């Protein structure tokens, strides 16, 4: 019936049912297991996965009975069991249920390694590696892909090596190890070049090489050359999803070349070719939004930014529900396996004893914890009077220190993280500039702990740091004039944090459509100006807001001032002015 599996569905099913009937009559559980699995394969091929799983479960029950039959050796059982687990893993894999699929593949792999069956180990490691890639675990993916390559070299399976090198190039790419990504991608490309019968492989690798050259090495020329090869290949192969990816890559190349109109044409063509991949659609919407922004078509820029946000939100929600469903499936599977194992081993009495011992251990542990806590509390009470004087003496110092740290976090890290949040809401995607701000936020946390400053501010100065900050915010335009000579790093850090907080406050509260940030310097003063066309600021916010109060108190250290000019319905203009001669840095 395996011979009829792909040629005659009904003959295959008929023979499989005969296997099940004869196996049941003659107590050949292995025949029943194989028969049920074959029928399940037909439902799997028709994408009727629930029905397929029902037959796979019947096959598992037959395998469970094999343990009680003396005619079957451990190796016989493991052989059939490994095939069933691989089949179930494939069923979950094709549904995108990566976590459950990984679990079954790992079970199958354990049996293959137990008996030294290397024929399928390389393919199994490759599948597991790809699944780990799918859930973003690049390190685990690389571990299994390298194992797949090593085993495939032993078995001289160059196709599996190509598969794994292909996937490995993406893992290296995600980890920004571009030299290694390039080496793996070139190996896979060369393999497919000499094996044209493996349709699509060479074309797909040309596209990946284009990605590596563009994003990893900023080599636009090489990226376009490789992507042209990919586009030419996809013109001869009916692979719309992959062709759309290559067209989208061409749009990204034109963005890098600042050819905004061509970028929009290729992005629209990619969406027309295939829009089934939500993550790819988000990337295309982001590209269109950016291109139209530079083409001064704010309406379309906002339209595609909103599409990117909605698509990403829907995709994230589906992924969450899918992961939740996988967890439930995995829990139910593990629960069934525990029940089966308990019945097979017939150790109900031992199980009860183990529970009793566990309860007694828990009671003992609880008692020990209680005694320890009582002893600790008593010791603390005895020492309380001795520590009272020291505690009162240190409260003032600790309060002051906590106040300083709270102010640092509010003015620095809090503002930066708010910028990231608002950026996500308006740009609707984690673009490069967003990640830059987020990276700066994480670095800022460490530097607040150690009294340092953001790296970009220390290396390039206030002008570059503010420009980078504004680049991630579509509503904000940045201008600078006269700032050719840096002031002290302490003053630059303070002005940087003030500018962040004021811009973020404008985005969150002003309902503005235009915001500008200016950095000016003359012979006497350094001035930071934040303007918006929003609803204005009320007087209570000016006087009582913790942000404005924090800015005023810190400006006093540098003999600076803050001026606020706000009119209801017309907007707000805030000037921070600090003398430039304080601790000037040449």
Foldseek 3Di string as FASTA:
>chain_A
DVVCLPPPPVVLLVVLVVLLVVCVVVVVLQSNLVSLQSNLVNCLVVVVLVSSVVSLVSSVVSLLVVVVDPVDDPLNSLVSQLVSLQSVLVSCVVVVLLVLSLVSLVVSLVSCVVVVPLPCQLVSLLSNLVSCVVVPNLVSSLVSLVVSLVSCVVVVPVVSLLSSLQSNLVSCVVVLVLVSSLVSLVSSLVVCVVVVVVQPSNLLSLQVNLVSCCVNVVNLVSSVVSLVSNLVSCVVPPDLLSNLSSLQSVLVSCVSVVVLVSSLVSLVVSVVSDDPDLVSLLSSLLSNLVSVVVVVNNVSNQVSLVVSQVSVVVVVVVVVVSNVVSVVVVVVVVVVVVVSVCVSVVVPVVVVVVVVVVVVVVVVVVVVVVVVVVVVVVVCVVCVVVCVVVVVVCPVVVVVVVVVLVLLCVLALVLLVLLLVLLCVRSVDCDPLSVVSVVQSVVSVVCSVVVHAGPCCVPPNLVVLVVSSCVSPSQEAEEEPDPPFHFDSVVSRLVNSLQSNVVSCCSVPFPFSHKYWYWYDDQWKTKIKIWTQGQWDDPCCCPPPPSNVSSQVVLVVQPKDKDWDIDGNGIIMIMIIGTRPPRGDD
